[in-house]
Amino acid sequence: MRLDKYLKESRIIKRRTIANEACDAGRVLVNDKVARASLEVKCGDIITVAFGNKETKVRVLSVNPSIHKEDAEKMYEYL
């Protein structure tokens, strides 16, 4: 699954266009490397997203193309 879509489906970022813009601005890292929105996310990847002063770091647990809102937090764990 593409990185921008994963960020949206997991509800880490609210909208896919915002996720895409964050990737273009270099605020999203995957395994400590700046990532493009088209990067394929795999289980075990570590995603770091910079929101202003705050930084969110998560480990990918599952990659589901469609998931219910209630189950979105099961797709990752905070580090």
C-alpha atoms as a PDB file:
ATOM      1  CA  MET A   1       0.000   0.000   0.000  1.00  0.00           C
ATOM      2  CA  ARG A   2       1.224   3.512  -0.789  1.00  0.00           C
ATOM      3  CA  LEU A   3       2.501   5.572   2.122  1.00  0.00           C
ATOM      4  CA  ASP A   4      -0.010   8.407   1.693  1.00  0.00           C
ATOM      5  CA  LYS A   5      -2.902   5.943   1.567  1.00  0.00           C
ATOM      6  CA  TYR A   6      -1.598   4.084   4.632  1.00  0.00           C
ATOM      7  CA  LEU A   7      -1.379   7.314   6.643  1.00  0.00           C
ATOM      8  CA  LYS A   8      -4.989   8.078   5.745  1.00  0.00           C
ATOM      9  CA  GLU A   9      -6.401   4.574   6.294  1.00  0.00           C
ATOM     10  CA  SER A  10      -4.669   4.234   9.667  1.00  0.00           C
ATOM     11  CA  ARG A  11      -5.987   7.697  10.628  1.00  0.00           C
ATOM     12  CA  ILE A  12      -2.516   8.992  11.492  1.00  0.00           C
ATOM     13  CA  ILE A  13      -3.265  11.866   9.077  1.00  0.00           C
ATOM     14  CA  LYS A  14      -6.865  12.847   8.394  1.00  0.00           C
ATOM     15  CA  ARG A  15      -6.811  13.312   4.613  1.00  0.00           C
ATOM     16  CA  ARG A  16      -4.777  11.750   1.828  1.00  0.00           C
ATOM     17  CA  THR A  17      -3.952  15.102   0.216  1.00  0.00           C
ATOM     18  CA  ILE A  18      -2.483  16.334   3.515  1.00  0.00           C
ATOM     19  CA  ALA A  19      -0.484  13.093   3.786  1.00  0.00           C
ATOM     20  CA  ASN A  20       0.774  13.616   0.248  1.00  0.00           C
ATOM     21  CA  GLU A  21       1.782  17.222   1.001  1.00  0.00           C
ATOM     22  CA  ALA A  22       3.588  16.136   4.201  1.00  0.00           C
ATOM     23  CA  CYS A  23       5.582  13.592   2.199  1.00  0.00           C
ATOM     24  CA  ASP A  24       6.463  16.184  -0.461  1.00  0.00           C
ATOM     25  CA  ALA A  25       7.637  18.591   2.272  1.00  0.00           C
ATOM     26  CA  GLY A  26       9.978  15.941   3.716  1.00  0.00           C
ATOM     27  CA  ARG A  27       8.124  15.677   7.042  1.00  0.00           C
ATOM     28  CA  VAL A  28       7.552  11.908   6.760  1.00  0.00           C
ATOM     29  CA  LEU A  29      10.389   9.428   7.323  1.00  0.00           C
ATOM     30  CA  VAL A  30      10.239   5.671   6.810  1.00  0.00           C
ATOM     31  CA  ASN A  31      13.040   3.751   8.495  1.00  0.00           C
ATOM     32  CA  ASP A  32      14.866   7.065   9.095  1.00  0.00           C
ATOM     33  CA  LYS A  33      14.865   8.056   5.400  1.00  0.00           C
ATOM     34  CA  VAL A  34      12.788  10.795   3.804  1.00  0.00           C
ATOM     35  CA  ALA A  35       9.935   9.047   2.011  1.00  0.00           C
ATOM     36  CA  ARG A  36       7.855   9.891  -1.035  1.00  0.00           C
ATOM     37  CA  ALA A  37       4.083   9.401  -1.012  1.00  0.00           C
ATOM     38  CA  SER A  38       4.384   6.528  -3.501  1.00  0.00           C
ATOM     39  CA  LEU A  39       6.621   4.394  -1.249  1.00  0.00           C
ATOM     40  CA  GLU A  40       5.204   0.916  -0.591  1.00  0.00           C
ATOM     41  CA  VAL A  41       4.679   0.378   3.146  1.00  0.00           C
ATOM     42  CA  LYS A  42       5.413  -3.089   4.606  1.00  0.00           C
ATOM     43  CA  CYS A  43       4.837  -4.634   8.025  1.00  0.00           C
ATOM     44  CA  GLY A  44       7.667  -3.749  10.400  1.00  0.00           C
ATOM     45  CA  ASP A  45       8.433  -0.355   8.828  1.00  0.00           C
ATOM     46  CA  ILE A  46       8.910   2.533  11.251  1.00  0.00           C
ATOM     47  CA  ILE A  47       7.158   5.739  10.183  1.00  0.00           C
ATOM     48  CA  THR A  48       8.019   9.117  11.709  1.00  0.00           C
ATOM     49  CA  VAL A  49       5.721  12.077  11.000  1.00  0.00           C
ATOM     50  CA  ALA A  50       6.642  15.627  12.064  1.00  0.00           C
ATOM     51  CA  PHE A  51       3.627  17.755  13.033  1.00  0.00           C
ATOM     52  CA  GLY A  52       5.058  21.207  13.793  1.00  0.00           C
ATOM     53  CA  ASN A  53       6.953  20.795  17.102  1.00  0.00           C
ATOM     54  CA  LYS A  54       5.546  17.317  17.728  1.00  0.00           C
ATOM     55  CA  GLU A  55       6.894  14.116  16.205  1.00  0.00           C
ATOM     56  CA  THR A  56       4.888  10.877  15.993  1.00  0.00           C
ATOM     57  CA  LYS A  57       6.736   7.584  15.579  1.00  0.00           C
ATOM     58  CA  VAL A  58       4.855   4.340  14.820  1.00  0.00           C
ATOM     59  CA  ARG A  59       5.656   0.769  13.759  1.00  0.00           C
ATOM     60  CA  VAL A  60       3.485  -0.755  11.015  1.00  0.00           C
ATOM     61  CA  LEU A  61       1.720  -3.899  12.269  1.00  0.00           C
ATOM     62  CA  SER A  62      -0.615  -4.588   9.346  1.00  0.00           C
ATOM     63  CA  VAL A  63      -1.390  -3.223   5.917  1.00  0.00           C
ATOM     64  CA  ASN A  64      -5.116  -3.516   5.138  1.00  0.00           C
ATOM     65  CA  PRO A  65      -6.505  -1.788   2.040  1.00  0.00           C
ATOM     66  CA  SER A  66      -9.832  -1.044   3.741  1.00  0.00           C
ATOM     67  CA  ILE A  67     -10.482  -1.065   7.461  1.00  0.00           C
ATOM     68  CA  HIS A  68     -13.189   0.184   9.811  1.00  0.00           C
ATOM     69  CA  LYS A  69     -12.568   3.310  11.856  1.00  0.00           C
ATOM     70  CA  GLU A  70     -12.667   1.332  15.116  1.00  0.00           C
ATOM     71  CA  ASP A  71      -9.925  -1.051  13.954  1.00  0.00           C
ATOM     72  CA  ALA A  72      -7.568   1.608  12.533  1.00  0.00           C
ATOM     73  CA  GLU A  73      -5.373   1.701  15.662  1.00  0.00           C
ATOM     74  CA  LYS A  74      -4.623  -2.019  15.230  1.00  0.00           C
ATOM     75  CA  MET A  75      -2.654  -1.167  12.069  1.00  0.00           C
ATOM     76  CA  TYR A  76       0.240   0.384  14.057  1.00  0.00           C
ATOM     77  CA  GLU A  77       1.801   0.795  17.489  1.00  0.00           C
ATOM     78  CA  TYR A  78       3.280   3.961  18.955  1.00  0.00           C
ATOM     79  CA  LEU A  79       6.988   3.943  19.782  1.00  0.00           C
END
